[in-house]
Every structure is written in structure tokens, then in C-alpha cells.
Amino acid sequence: MCIIVFICCFAVGLGPIPFIYATEVFGQEARGAALAACMTTNWIANLILSLTFEYLAKILTDYVFLIFLVIVLAAVIVIIKKVPETKNKNVEEIIAHFSGIKLSNNDGAGNKLMLNSSKI
């Protein structure tokens, strides 16, 4: 029963993050390759975890989950420092953020955001 609850919580919580992140951060032309890279990385990490967990549990006994604590803390730090907020932003704004390009506000056509050509 605990495993089923864990799987349900993971599927609602952290499970879909690679899918969501890749579709929000990458442009349409790179989205397929980005999803392939994210999913490949995810499955390789799952495979490594599945193959090594038994040995780690024997070696570290009660402290085996400290490894995962360190990994999750490192992930949280990277997410806080490097992952931008994408709520209410379009793909161009997100790409501009990663590229370091400033967006200028053009009031002529309905406050449409346009890339500032001086930085390109």
C-alpha cells in the first residue's frame, strides 16, 4: 500500500517535471530533442538507481537515504539559482532570459514584447 501511495504522490508531484520543464523552456524547433534528452537522462538515472540501491542499502544500512537527501538538496539549490519563473511568460521571453537578451516594450502594437536588436 505504501508503494502505491508513493507512486501516486510522485506522479502528481515531481514525476512530470522533466516533461513540463522541457516543454516550457525550449522553443518549438528544439522541443523534440530536448524532451528526448530529458527522458533519456531520467531513464538512465532510474536504471542506475535500480541497479545500485541494493548494494548501497547493504553498505550504508540505515543511512542509505542520506545520499538522496544530498542529491535533493543539490537539485533544490540548482533550481533556485538557475531555473527561471515561467508563469505568464511566453517562449520568447524565456529564451531571452537564458540568452541574456533584454526585451523592450513596444507600445505601438498592443504592448507587444519584442527582442532588443542591439543585444543580438
PDB file of N, CA and C in Angstrom:
ATOM      1  N   MET A   1       0.817  -1.188   0.000  1.00  0.00           N
ATOM      2  CA  MET A   1       0.000   0.000   0.000  1.00  0.00           C
ATOM      3  C   MET A   1       0.866   1.260   0.000  1.00  0.00           C
ATOM      4  N   CYS A   2       1.950   1.251   0.762  1.00  0.00           N
ATOM      5  CA  CYS A   2       2.843   2.415   0.819  1.00  0.00           C
ATOM      6  C   CYS A   2       3.475   2.696  -0.538  1.00  0.00           C
ATOM      7  N   ILE A   3       3.827   1.647  -1.275  1.00  0.00           N
ATOM      8  CA  ILE A   3       4.424   1.844  -2.592  1.00  0.00           C
ATOM      9  C   ILE A   3       3.413   2.483  -3.545  1.00  0.00           C
ATOM     10  N   ILE A   4       2.177   2.059  -3.479  1.00  0.00           N
ATOM     11  CA  ILE A   4       1.150   2.637  -4.342  1.00  0.00           C
ATOM     12  C   ILE A   4       0.932   4.109  -3.996  1.00  0.00           C
ATOM     13  N   VAL A   5       0.903   4.447  -2.724  1.00  0.00           N
ATOM     14  CA  VAL A   5       0.759   5.846  -2.310  1.00  0.00           C
ATOM     15  C   VAL A   5       1.952   6.667  -2.787  1.00  0.00           C
ATOM     16  N   PHE A   6       3.158   6.110  -2.660  1.00  0.00           N
ATOM     17  CA  PHE A   6       4.357   6.808  -3.127  1.00  0.00           C
ATOM     18  C   PHE A   6       4.282   7.072  -4.627  1.00  0.00           C
ATOM     19  N   ILE A   7       3.905   6.064  -5.401  1.00  0.00           N
ATOM     20  CA  ILE A   7       3.831   6.222  -6.854  1.00  0.00           C
ATOM     21  C   ILE A   7       2.795   7.274  -7.225  1.00  0.00           C
ATOM     22  N   CYS A   8       1.658   7.258  -6.565  1.00  0.00           N
ATOM     23  CA  CYS A   8       0.616   8.265  -6.845  1.00  0.00           C
ATOM     24  C   CYS A   8       1.110   9.666  -6.513  1.00  0.00           C
ATOM     25  N   CYS A   9       1.751   9.830  -5.382  1.00  0.00           N
ATOM     26  CA  CYS A   9       2.264  11.149  -4.986  1.00  0.00           C
ATOM     27  C   CYS A   9       3.372  11.614  -5.922  1.00  0.00           C
ATOM     28  N   PHE A  10       4.235  10.702  -6.327  1.00  0.00           N
ATOM     29  CA  PHE A  10       5.319  11.051  -7.250  1.00  0.00           C
ATOM     30  C   PHE A  10       4.751  11.452  -8.609  1.00  0.00           C
ATOM     31  N   ALA A  11       3.738  10.746  -9.073  1.00  0.00           N
ATOM     32  CA  ALA A  11       3.143  11.047 -10.372  1.00  0.00           C
ATOM     33  C   ALA A  11       2.453  12.410 -10.373  1.00  0.00           C
ATOM     34  N   VAL A  12       1.926  12.819  -9.243  1.00  0.00           N
ATOM     35  CA  VAL A  12       1.271  14.116  -9.138  1.00  0.00           C
ATOM     36  C   VAL A  12       2.283  15.218  -8.832  1.00  0.00           C
ATOM     37  N   GLY A  13       3.386  14.885  -8.168  1.00  0.00           N
ATOM     38  CA  GLY A  13       4.362  15.884  -7.733  1.00  0.00           C
ATOM     39  C   GLY A  13       5.550  16.024  -8.662  1.00  0.00           C
ATOM     40  N   LEU A  14       6.656  15.349  -8.339  1.00  0.00           N
ATOM     41  CA  LEU A  14       7.907  15.535  -9.064  1.00  0.00           C
ATOM     42  C   LEU A  14       8.026  14.731 -10.350  1.00  0.00           C
ATOM     43  N   GLY A  15       7.215  13.738 -10.542  1.00  0.00           N
ATOM     44  CA  GLY A  15       7.327  12.869 -11.711  1.00  0.00           C
ATOM     45  C   GLY A  15       7.278  13.571 -13.058  1.00  0.00           C
ATOM     46  N   PRO A  16       6.320  14.471 -13.280  1.00  0.00           N
ATOM     47  CA  PRO A  16       6.207  15.093 -14.601  1.00  0.00           C
ATOM     48  C   PRO A  16       7.141  16.287 -14.828  1.00  0.00           C
ATOM     49  N   ILE A  17       7.993  16.611 -13.890  1.00  0.00           N
ATOM     50  CA  ILE A  17       8.862  17.786 -14.020  1.00  0.00           C
ATOM     51  C   ILE A  17       9.704  17.771 -15.301  1.00  0.00           C
ATOM     52  N   PRO A  18      10.367  16.663 -15.669  1.00  0.00           N
ATOM     53  CA  PRO A  18      11.143  16.706 -16.920  1.00  0.00           C
ATOM     54  C   PRO A  18      10.292  17.041 -18.141  1.00  0.00           C
ATOM     55  N   PHE A  19       9.068  16.542 -18.194  1.00  0.00           N
ATOM     56  CA  PHE A  19       8.184  16.848 -19.316  1.00  0.00           C
ATOM     57  C   PHE A  19       7.810  18.322 -19.323  1.00  0.00           C
ATOM     58  N   ILE A  20       7.389  18.828 -18.182  1.00  0.00           N
ATOM     59  CA  ILE A  20       6.925  20.206 -18.078  1.00  0.00           C
ATOM     60  C   ILE A  20       8.055  21.186 -18.339  1.00  0.00           C
ATOM     61  N   TYR A  21       9.214  20.947 -17.736  1.00  0.00           N
ATOM     62  CA  TYR A  21      10.342  21.865 -17.879  1.00  0.00           C
ATOM     63  C   TYR A  21      10.803  21.952 -19.335  1.00  0.00           C
ATOM     64  N   ALA A  22      10.946  20.809 -19.981  1.00  0.00           N
ATOM     65  CA  ALA A  22      11.426  20.813 -21.364  1.00  0.00           C
ATOM     66  C   ALA A  22      10.450  21.511 -22.300  1.00  0.00           C
ATOM     67  N   THR A  23       9.159  21.335 -22.089  1.00  0.00           N
ATOM     68  CA  THR A  23       8.192  21.976 -22.982  1.00  0.00           C
ATOM     69  C   THR A  23       8.070  23.473 -22.737  1.00  0.00           C
ATOM     70  N   GLU A  24       8.358  23.937 -21.538  1.00  0.00           N
ATOM     71  CA  GLU A  24       8.246  25.364 -21.252  1.00  0.00           C
ATOM     72  C   GLU A  24       9.499  26.143 -21.593  1.00  0.00           C
ATOM     73  N   VAL A  25      10.645  25.529 -21.494  1.00  0.00           N
ATOM     74  CA  VAL A  25      11.892  26.268 -21.641  1.00  0.00           C
ATOM     75  C   VAL A  25      12.413  26.274 -23.076  1.00  0.00           C
ATOM     76  N   PHE A  26      12.176  25.218 -23.826  1.00  0.00           N
ATOM     77  CA  PHE A  26      12.734  25.128 -25.165  1.00  0.00           C
ATOM     78  C   PHE A  26      11.720  25.565 -26.209  1.00  0.00           C
ATOM     79  N   GLY A  27      12.239  26.162 -27.280  1.00  0.00           N
ATOM     80  CA  GLY A  27      11.395  26.592 -28.378  1.00  0.00           C
ATOM     81  C   GLY A  27      10.842  25.402 -29.146  1.00  0.00           C
ATOM     82  N   GLN A  28       9.897  25.692 -30.033  1.00  0.00           N
ATOM     83  CA  GLN A  28       9.218  24.627 -30.770  1.00  0.00           C
ATOM     84  C   GLN A  28      10.190  23.786 -31.592  1.00  0.00           C
ATOM     85  N   GLU A  29      11.189  24.425 -32.196  1.00  0.00           N
ATOM     86  CA  GLU A  29      12.115  23.692 -33.059  1.00  0.00           C
ATOM     87  C   GLU A  29      13.031  22.756 -32.289  1.00  0.00           C
ATOM     88  N   ALA A  30      13.281  23.024 -31.017  1.00  0.00           N
ATOM     89  CA  ALA A  30      14.178  22.195 -30.215  1.00  0.00           C
ATOM     90  C   ALA A  30      13.438  21.318 -29.211  1.00  0.00           C
ATOM     91  N   ARG A  31      12.142  21.441 -29.149  1.00  0.00           N
ATOM     92  CA  ARG A  31      11.360  20.772 -28.115  1.00  0.00           C
ATOM     93  C   ARG A  31      11.465  19.250 -28.185  1.00  0.00           C
ATOM     94  N   GLY A  32      11.420  18.675 -29.364  1.00  0.00           N
ATOM     95  CA  GLY A  32      11.512  17.218 -29.506  1.00  0.00           C
ATOM     96  C   GLY A  32      12.850  16.683 -29.020  1.00  0.00           C
ATOM     97  N   ALA A  33      13.925  17.334 -29.429  1.00  0.00           N
ATOM     98  CA  ALA A  33      15.262  16.901 -28.996  1.00  0.00           C
ATOM     99  C   ALA A  33      15.441  17.109 -27.495  1.00  0.00           C
ATOM    100  N   ALA A  34      14.902  18.201 -26.969  1.00  0.00           N
ATOM    101  CA  ALA A  34      15.015  18.465 -25.536  1.00  0.00           C
ATOM    102  C   ALA A  34      14.253  17.426 -24.718  1.00  0.00           C
ATOM    103  N   LEU A  35      13.051  17.077 -25.165  1.00  0.00           N
ATOM    104  CA  LEU A  35      12.286  16.041 -24.467  1.00  0.00           C
ATOM    105  C   LEU A  35      13.007  14.699 -24.531  1.00  0.00           C
ATOM    106  N   ALA A  36      13.597  14.385 -25.679  1.00  0.00           N
ATOM    107  CA  ALA A  36      14.345  13.135 -25.805  1.00  0.00           C
ATOM    108  C   ALA A  36      15.535  13.115 -24.844  1.00  0.00           C
ATOM    109  N   ALA A  37      16.246  14.228 -24.737  1.00  0.00           N
ATOM    110  CA  ALA A  37      17.395  14.295 -23.826  1.00  0.00           C
ATOM    111  C   ALA A  37      16.944  14.193 -22.368  1.00  0.00           C
ATOM    112  N   CYS A  38      15.863  14.878 -22.012  1.00  0.00           N
ATOM    113  CA  CYS A  38      15.354  14.822 -20.636  1.00  0.00           C
ATOM    114  C   CYS A  38      14.889  13.413 -20.266  1.00  0.00           C
ATOM    115  N   MET A  39      14.167  12.795 -21.164  1.00  0.00           N
ATOM    116  CA  MET A  39      13.659  11.444 -20.867  1.00  0.00           C
ATOM    117  C   MET A  39      14.777  10.412 -20.824  1.00  0.00           C
ATOM    118  N   THR A  40      15.759  10.539 -21.717  1.00  0.00           N
ATOM    119  CA  THR A  40      16.900   9.622 -21.689  1.00  0.00           C
ATOM    120  C   THR A  40      17.667   9.762 -20.385  1.00  0.00           C
ATOM    121  N   THR A  41      17.921  10.985 -19.973  1.00  0.00           N
ATOM    122  CA  THR A  41      18.613  11.230 -18.709  1.00  0.00           C
ATOM    123  C   THR A  41      17.810  10.678 -17.535  1.00  0.00           C
ATOM    124  N   ASN A  42      16.514  10.891 -17.556  1.00  0.00           N
ATOM    125  CA  ASN A  42      15.640  10.401 -16.488  1.00  0.00           C
ATOM    126  C   ASN A  42      15.682   8.879 -16.400  1.00  0.00           C
ATOM    127  N   TRP A  43      15.562   8.195 -17.532  1.00  0.00           N
ATOM    128  CA  TRP A  43      15.560   6.729 -17.525  1.00  0.00           C
ATOM    129  C   TRP A  43      16.924   6.153 -17.150  1.00  0.00           C
ATOM    130  N   ILE A  44      18.003   6.800 -17.581  1.00  0.00           N
ATOM    131  CA  ILE A  44      19.341   6.329 -17.195  1.00  0.00           C
ATOM    132  C   ILE A  44      19.541   6.481 -15.694  1.00  0.00           C
ATOM    133  N   ALA A  45      19.100   7.608 -15.140  1.00  0.00           N
ATOM    134  CA  ALA A  45      19.207   7.803 -13.686  1.00  0.00           C
ATOM    135  C   ALA A  45      18.372   6.771 -12.937  1.00  0.00           C
ATOM    136  N   ASN A  46      17.178   6.478 -13.434  1.00  0.00           N
ATOM    137  CA  ASN A  46      16.345   5.444 -12.803  1.00  0.00           C
ATOM    138  C   ASN A  46      16.991   4.074 -12.878  1.00  0.00           C
ATOM    139  N   LEU A  47      17.618   3.761 -14.012  1.00  0.00           N
ATOM    140  CA  LEU A  47      18.306   2.483 -14.165  1.00  0.00           C
ATOM    141  C   LEU A  47      19.472   2.369 -13.189  1.00  0.00           C
ATOM    142  N   ILE A  48      20.277   3.412 -13.102  1.00  0.00           N
ATOM    143  CA  ILE A  48      21.422   3.401 -12.177  1.00  0.00           C
ATOM    144  C   ILE A  48      20.943   3.238 -10.742  1.00  0.00           C
ATOM    145  N   LEU A  49      19.895   3.954 -10.378  1.00  0.00           N
ATOM    146  CA  LEU A  49      19.344   3.829  -9.035  1.00  0.00           C
ATOM    147  C   LEU A  49      18.847   2.413  -8.769  1.00  0.00           C
ATOM    148  N   SER A  50      18.134   1.848  -9.719  1.00  0.00           N
ATOM    149  CA  SER A  50      17.595   0.493  -9.543  1.00  0.00           C
ATOM    150  C   SER A  50      18.701  -0.549  -9.407  1.00  0.00           C
ATOM    151  N   LEU A  51      19.774  -0.373 -10.166  1.00  0.00           N
ATOM    152  CA  LEU A  51      20.857  -1.352 -10.131  1.00  0.00           C
ATOM    153  C   LEU A  51      21.753  -1.230  -8.902  1.00  0.00           C
ATOM    154  N   THR A  52      21.851  -0.043  -8.337  1.00  0.00           N
ATOM    155  CA  THR A  52      22.798   0.166  -7.236  1.00  0.00           C
ATOM    156  C   THR A  52      22.159   0.261  -5.857  1.00  0.00           C
ATOM    157  N   PHE A  53      20.841   0.422  -5.774  1.00  0.00           N
ATOM    158  CA  PHE A  53      20.220   0.658  -4.478  1.00  0.00           C
ATOM    159  C   PHE A  53      20.447  -0.488  -3.501  1.00  0.00           C
ATOM    160  N   GLU A  54      20.336  -1.710  -3.965  1.00  0.00           N
ATOM    161  CA  GLU A  54      20.505  -2.861  -3.072  1.00  0.00           C
ATOM    162  C   GLU A  54      21.902  -2.869  -2.446  1.00  0.00           C
ATOM    163  N   TYR A  55      22.909  -2.582  -3.256  1.00  0.00           N
ATOM    164  CA  TYR A  55      24.287  -2.560  -2.744  1.00  0.00           C
ATOM    165  C   TYR A  55      24.505  -1.397  -1.785  1.00  0.00           C
ATOM    166  N   LEU A  56      23.950  -0.241  -2.130  1.00  0.00           N
ATOM    167  CA  LEU A  56      24.058   0.911  -1.236  1.00  0.00           C
ATOM    168  C   LEU A  56      23.359   0.648   0.088  1.00  0.00           C
ATOM    169  N   ALA A  57      22.216  -0.008   0.050  1.00  0.00           N
ATOM    170  CA  ALA A  57      21.478  -0.321   1.277  1.00  0.00           C
ATOM    171  C   ALA A  57      22.275  -1.279   2.164  1.00  0.00           C
ATOM    172  N   LYS A  58      22.977  -2.218   1.571  1.00  0.00           N
ATOM    173  CA  LYS A  58      23.803  -3.146   2.358  1.00  0.00           C
ATOM    174  C   LYS A  58      24.996  -2.428   2.979  1.00  0.00           C
ATOM    175  N   ILE A  59      25.594  -1.523   2.231  1.00  0.00           N
ATOM    176  CA  ILE A  59      26.788  -0.816   2.722  1.00  0.00           C
ATOM    177  C   ILE A  59      26.422   0.233   3.768  1.00  0.00           C
ATOM    178  N   LEU A  60      25.402   1.033   3.498  1.00  0.00           N
ATOM    179  CA  LEU A  60      25.068   2.173   4.359  1.00  0.00           C
ATOM    180  C   LEU A  60      23.973   1.884   5.380  1.00  0.00           C
ATOM    181  N   THR A  61      23.354   0.755   5.283  1.00  0.00           N
ATOM    182  CA  THR A  61      22.264   0.302   6.165  1.00  0.00           C
ATOM    183  C   THR A  61      21.222   1.401   6.383  1.00  0.00           C
ATOM    184  N   ASP A  62      21.141   1.922   7.585  1.00  0.00           N
ATOM    185  CA  ASP A  62      20.099   2.897   7.926  1.00  0.00           C
ATOM    186  C   ASP A  62      20.327   4.275   7.310  1.00  0.00           C
ATOM    187  N   TYR A  63      21.511   4.529   6.783  1.00  0.00           N
ATOM    188  CA  TYR A  63      21.835   5.858   6.265  1.00  0.00           C
ATOM    189  C   TYR A  63      21.770   5.940   4.742  1.00  0.00           C
ATOM    190  N   VAL A  64      21.181   4.963   4.105  1.00  0.00           N
ATOM    191  CA  VAL A  64      21.150   4.925   2.652  1.00  0.00           C
ATOM    192  C   VAL A  64      20.414   6.120   2.054  1.00  0.00           C
ATOM    193  N   PHE A  65      19.416   6.618   2.734  1.00  0.00           N
ATOM    194  CA  PHE A  65      18.639   7.719   2.175  1.00  0.00           C
ATOM    195  C   PHE A  65      19.311   9.076   2.349  1.00  0.00           C
ATOM    196  N   LEU A  66      20.419   9.128   3.077  1.00  0.00           N
ATOM    197  CA  LEU A  66      21.176  10.376   3.172  1.00  0.00           C
ATOM    198  C   LEU A  66      21.761  10.772   1.816  1.00  0.00           C
ATOM    199  N   ILE A  67      22.092   9.780   0.992  1.00  0.00           N
ATOM    200  CA  ILE A  67      22.575  10.066  -0.356  1.00  0.00           C
ATOM    201  C   ILE A  67      21.506  10.821  -1.139  1.00  0.00           C
ATOM    202  N   PHE A  68      20.268  10.377  -1.008  1.00  0.00           N
ATOM    203  CA  PHE A  68      19.177  11.021  -1.727  1.00  0.00           C
ATOM    204  C   PHE A  68      18.891  12.408  -1.159  1.00  0.00           C
ATOM    205  N   LEU A  69      19.088  12.583   0.124  1.00  0.00           N
ATOM    206  CA  LEU A  69      18.931  13.898   0.736  1.00  0.00           C
ATOM    207  C   LEU A  69      19.934  14.882   0.135  1.00  0.00           C
ATOM    208  N   VAL A  70      21.173  14.451  -0.012  1.00  0.00           N
ATOM    209  CA  VAL A  70      22.204  15.312  -0.596  1.00  0.00           C
ATOM    210  C   VAL A  70      21.858  15.643  -2.048  1.00  0.00           C
ATOM    211  N   ILE A  71      21.402  14.654  -2.804  1.00  0.00           N
ATOM    212  CA  ILE A  71      21.035  14.880  -4.202  1.00  0.00           C
ATOM    213  C   ILE A  71      19.860  15.851  -4.311  1.00  0.00           C
ATOM    214  N   VAL A  72      18.856  15.675  -3.453  1.00  0.00           N
ATOM    215  CA  VAL A  72      17.691  16.566  -3.492  1.00  0.00           C
ATOM    216  C   VAL A  72      18.085  17.986  -3.075  1.00  0.00           C
ATOM    217  N   LEU A  73      18.939  18.134  -2.075  1.00  0.00           N
ATOM    218  CA  LEU A  73      19.394  19.471  -1.673  1.00  0.00           C
ATOM    219  C   LEU A  73      20.170  20.147  -2.791  1.00  0.00           C
ATOM    220  N   ALA A  74      21.025  19.393  -3.473  1.00  0.00           N
ATOM    221  CA  ALA A  74      21.765  19.954  -4.609  1.00  0.00           C
ATOM    222  C   ALA A  74      20.804  20.369  -5.714  1.00  0.00           C
ATOM    223  N   ALA A  75      19.790  19.550  -5.978  1.00  0.00           N
ATOM    224  CA  ALA A  75      18.798  19.885  -7.005  1.00  0.00           C
ATOM    225  C   ALA A  75      18.023  21.135  -6.628  1.00  0.00           C
ATOM    226  N   VAL A  76      17.651  21.264  -5.365  1.00  0.00           N
ATOM    227  CA  VAL A  76      16.920  22.452  -4.916  1.00  0.00           C
ATOM    228  C   VAL A  76      17.767  23.709  -5.102  1.00  0.00           C
ATOM    229  N   ILE A  77      19.038  23.624  -4.789  1.00  0.00           N
ATOM    230  CA  ILE A  77      19.938  24.780  -4.952  1.00  0.00           C
ATOM    231  C   ILE A  77      20.046  25.157  -6.427  1.00  0.00           C
ATOM    232  N   VAL A  78      20.222  24.174  -7.294  1.00  0.00           N
ATOM    233  CA  VAL A  78      20.310  24.452  -8.735  1.00  0.00           C
ATOM    234  C   VAL A  78      19.009  25.052  -9.242  1.00  0.00           C
ATOM    235  N   ILE A  79      17.887  24.522  -8.812  1.00  0.00           N
ATOM    236  CA  ILE A  79      16.592  25.041  -9.260  1.00  0.00           C
ATOM    237  C   ILE A  79      16.402  26.479  -8.811  1.00  0.00           C
ATOM    238  N   ILE A  80      16.737  26.771  -7.567  1.00  0.00           N
ATOM    239  CA  ILE A  80      16.568  28.141  -7.060  1.00  0.00           C
ATOM    240  C   ILE A  80      17.481  29.111  -7.806  1.00  0.00           C
ATOM    241  N   LYS A  81      18.709  28.697  -8.083  1.00  0.00           N
ATOM    242  CA  LYS A  81      19.685  29.591  -8.710  1.00  0.00           C
ATOM    243  C   LYS A  81      19.521  29.708 -10.223  1.00  0.00           C
ATOM    244  N   LYS A  82      19.152  28.638 -10.906  1.00  0.00           N
ATOM    245  CA  LYS A  82      19.231  28.619 -12.371  1.00  0.00           C
ATOM    246  C   LYS A  82      17.916  28.548 -13.126  1.00  0.00           C
ATOM    247  N   VAL A  83      16.852  28.075 -12.514  1.00  0.00           N
ATOM    248  CA  VAL A  83      15.595  27.879 -13.244  1.00  0.00           C
ATOM    249  C   VAL A  83      14.730  29.128 -13.088  1.00  0.00           C
ATOM    250  N   PRO A  84      14.384  29.758 -14.209  1.00  0.00           N
ATOM    251  CA  PRO A  84      13.569  30.981 -14.116  1.00  0.00           C
ATOM    252  C   PRO A  84      12.095  30.664 -13.901  1.00  0.00           C
ATOM    253  N   GLU A  85      11.383  31.637 -13.397  1.00  0.00           N
ATOM    254  CA  GLU A  85       9.925  31.517 -13.274  1.00  0.00           C
ATOM    255  C   GLU A  85       9.333  31.687 -14.661  1.00  0.00           C
ATOM    256  N   THR A  86       8.468  30.765 -15.072  1.00  0.00           N
ATOM    257  CA  THR A  86       7.891  30.817 -16.417  1.00  0.00           C
ATOM    258  C   THR A  86       6.401  31.138 -16.407  1.00  0.00           C
ATOM    259  N   LYS A  87       5.851  31.387 -15.246  1.00  0.00           N
ATOM    260  CA  LYS A  87       4.418  31.680 -15.174  1.00  0.00           C
ATOM    261  C   LYS A  87       4.125  32.997 -15.894  1.00  0.00           C
ATOM    262  N   ASN A  88       3.107  32.969 -16.762  1.00  0.00           N
ATOM    263  CA  ASN A  88       2.660  34.128 -17.532  1.00  0.00           C
ATOM    264  C   ASN A  88       3.741  34.684 -18.467  1.00  0.00           C
ATOM    265  N   LYS A  89       4.672  33.847 -18.908  1.00  0.00           N
ATOM    266  CA  LYS A  89       5.693  34.257 -19.865  1.00  0.00           C
ATOM    267  C   LYS A  89       5.581  33.383 -21.101  1.00  0.00           C
ATOM    268  N   ASN A  90       5.855  33.983 -22.256  1.00  0.00           N
ATOM    269  CA  ASN A  90       5.842  33.194 -23.482  1.00  0.00           C
ATOM    270  C   ASN A  90       7.238  32.643 -23.756  1.00  0.00           C
ATOM    271  N   VAL A  91       7.354  31.822 -24.773  1.00  0.00           N
ATOM    272  CA  VAL A  91       8.616  31.142 -25.070  1.00  0.00           C
ATOM    273  C   VAL A  91       9.712  32.143 -25.401  1.00  0.00           C
ATOM    274  N   GLU A  92       9.380  33.215 -26.115  1.00  0.00           N
ATOM    275  CA  GLU A  92      10.386  34.211 -26.479  1.00  0.00           C
ATOM    276  C   GLU A  92      10.989  34.869 -25.245  1.00  0.00           C
ATOM    277  N   GLU A  93      10.163  35.155 -24.251  1.00  0.00           N
ATOM    278  CA  GLU A  93      10.661  35.761 -23.019  1.00  0.00           C
ATOM    279  C   GLU A  93      11.591  34.809 -22.264  1.00  0.00           C
ATOM    280  N   ILE A  94      11.239  33.530 -22.248  1.00  0.00           N
ATOM    281  CA  ILE A  94      12.069  32.546 -21.553  1.00  0.00           C
ATOM    282  C   ILE A  94      13.398  32.363 -22.270  1.00  0.00           C
ATOM    283  N   ILE A  95      13.365  32.279 -23.601  1.00  0.00           N
ATOM    284  CA  ILE A  95      14.597  32.139 -24.379  1.00  0.00           C
ATOM    285  C   ILE A  95      15.467  33.378 -24.197  1.00  0.00           C
ATOM    286  N   ALA A  96      14.856  34.553 -24.181  1.00  0.00           N
ATOM    287  CA  ALA A  96      15.613  35.785 -23.961  1.00  0.00           C
ATOM    288  C   ALA A  96      16.276  35.777 -22.592  1.00  0.00           C
ATOM    289  N   HIS A  97      15.602  35.235 -21.589  1.00  0.00           N
ATOM    290  CA  HIS A  97      16.182  35.149 -20.249  1.00  0.00           C
ATOM    291  C   HIS A  97      17.439  34.284 -20.261  1.00  0.00           C
ATOM    292  N   PHE A  98      17.368  33.116 -20.903  1.00  0.00           N
ATOM    293  CA  PHE A  98      18.526  32.220 -20.953  1.00  0.00           C
ATOM    294  C   PHE A  98      19.643  32.784 -21.819  1.00  0.00           C
ATOM    295  N   SER A  99      19.285  33.560 -22.845  1.00  0.00           N
ATOM    296  CA  SER A  99      20.283  34.126 -23.749  1.00  0.00           C
ATOM    297  C   SER A  99      20.907  35.400 -23.195  1.00  0.00           C
ATOM    298  N   GLY A 100      20.294  35.983 -22.183  1.00  0.00           N
ATOM    299  CA  GLY A 100      20.794  37.231 -21.634  1.00  0.00           C
ATOM    300  C   GLY A 100      20.382  38.439 -22.456  1.00  0.00           C
ATOM    301  N   ILE A 101      19.366  38.271 -23.278  1.00  0.00           N
ATOM    302  CA  ILE A 101      18.888  39.352 -24.137  1.00  0.00           C
ATOM    303  C   ILE A 101      17.805  40.121 -23.401  1.00  0.00           C
ATOM    304  N   LYS A 102      17.911  41.443 -23.446  1.00  0.00           N
ATOM    305  CA  LYS A 102      16.893  42.291 -22.835  1.00  0.00           C
ATOM    306  C   LYS A 102      15.711  42.419 -23.784  1.00  0.00           C
ATOM    307  N   LEU A 103      14.513  42.360 -23.232  1.00  0.00           N
ATOM    308  CA  LEU A 103      13.309  42.577 -24.021  1.00  0.00           C
ATOM    309  C   LEU A 103      12.871  44.021 -23.862  1.00  0.00           C
ATOM    310  N   SER A 104      12.477  44.632 -24.972  1.00  0.00           N
ATOM    311  CA  SER A 104      11.988  46.005 -24.891  1.00  0.00           C
ATOM    312  C   SER A 104      10.485  45.998 -25.123  1.00  0.00           C
ATOM    313  N   ASN A 105       9.800  46.908 -24.468  1.00  0.00           N
ATOM    314  CA  ASN A 105       8.350  47.003 -24.572  1.00  0.00           C
ATOM    315  C   ASN A 105       8.015  47.953 -25.714  1.00  0.00           C
ATOM    316  N   ASN A 106       7.282  47.466 -26.716  1.00  0.00           N
ATOM    317  CA  ASN A 106       6.875  48.277 -27.861  1.00  0.00           C
ATOM    318  C   ASN A 106       5.407  48.642 -27.684  1.00  0.00           C
ATOM    319  N   ASP A 107       5.141  49.913 -27.347  1.00  0.00           N
ATOM    320  CA  ASP A 107       3.772  50.341 -27.059  1.00  0.00           C
ATOM    321  C   ASP A 107       2.922  50.525 -28.311  1.00  0.00           C
ATOM    322  N   GLY A 108       3.493  50.450 -29.497  1.00  0.00           N
ATOM    323  CA  GLY A 108       2.742  50.709 -30.716  1.00  0.00           C
ATOM    324  C   GLY A 108       1.684  49.667 -31.022  1.00  0.00           C
ATOM    325  N   ALA A 109       1.949  48.411 -30.832  1.00  0.00           N
ATOM    326  CA  ALA A 109       1.014  47.347 -31.243  1.00  0.00           C
ATOM    327  C   ALA A 109       0.552  46.540 -30.037  1.00  0.00           C
ATOM    328  N   GLY A 110      -0.202  47.136 -29.191  1.00  0.00           N
ATOM    329  CA  GLY A 110      -0.798  46.414 -28.078  1.00  0.00           C
ATOM    330  C   GLY A 110       0.194  45.911 -27.041  1.00  0.00           C
ATOM    331  N   ASN A 111       1.201  46.720 -26.705  1.00  0.00           N
ATOM    332  CA  ASN A 111       2.207  46.355 -25.708  1.00  0.00           C
ATOM    333  C   ASN A 111       2.876  45.006 -26.009  1.00  0.00           C
ATOM    334  N   LYS A 112       3.209  44.783 -27.244  1.00  0.00           N
ATOM    335  CA  LYS A 112       3.833  43.533 -27.648  1.00  0.00           C
ATOM    336  C   LYS A 112       5.314  43.575 -27.303  1.00  0.00           C
ATOM    337  N   LEU A 113       5.800  42.513 -26.707  1.00  0.00           N
ATOM    338  CA  LEU A 113       7.213  42.440 -26.372  1.00  0.00           C
ATOM    339  C   LEU A 113       8.023  42.033 -27.587  1.00  0.00           C
ATOM    340  N   MET A 114       9.139  42.705 -27.790  1.00  0.00           N
ATOM    341  CA  MET A 114       9.993  42.377 -28.932  1.00  0.00           C
ATOM    342  C   MET A 114      11.430  42.313 -28.443  1.00  0.00           C
ATOM    343  N   LEU A 115      12.238  41.473 -29.103  1.00  0.00           N
ATOM    344  CA  LEU A 115      13.629  41.369 -28.748  1.00  0.00           C
ATOM    345  C   LEU A 115      14.348  42.656 -29.105  1.00  0.00           C
ATOM    346  N   ASN A 116      15.216  43.114 -28.212  1.00  0.00           N
ATOM    347  CA  ASN A 116      16.013  44.300 -28.462  1.00  0.00           C
ATOM    348  C   ASN A 116      17.160  43.916 -29.377  1.00  0.00           C
ATOM    349  N   SER A 117      17.184  44.439 -30.596  1.00  0.00           N
ATOM    350  CA  SER A 117      18.169  44.019 -31.590  1.00  0.00           C
ATOM    351  C   SER A 117      19.578  44.472 -31.265  1.00  0.00           C
ATOM    352  N   SER A 118      19.772  45.379 -30.349  1.00  0.00           N
ATOM    353  CA  SER A 118      21.116  45.839 -30.004  1.00  0.00           C
ATOM    354  C   SER A 118      21.903  44.769 -29.247  1.00  0.00           C
ATOM    355  N   LYS A 119      21.228  43.811 -28.620  1.00  0.00           N
ATOM    356  CA  LYS A 119      21.902  42.763 -27.865  1.00  0.00           C
ATOM    357  C   LYS A 119      22.106  41.478 -28.664  1.00  0.00           C
ATOM    358  N   ILE A 120      21.458  41.366 -29.836  1.00  0.00           N
ATOM    359  CA  ILE A 120      21.516  40.117 -30.596  1.00  0.00           C
ATOM    360  C   ILE A 120      22.794  39.977 -31.342  1.00  0.00           C
TER     361      ILE A 120
END
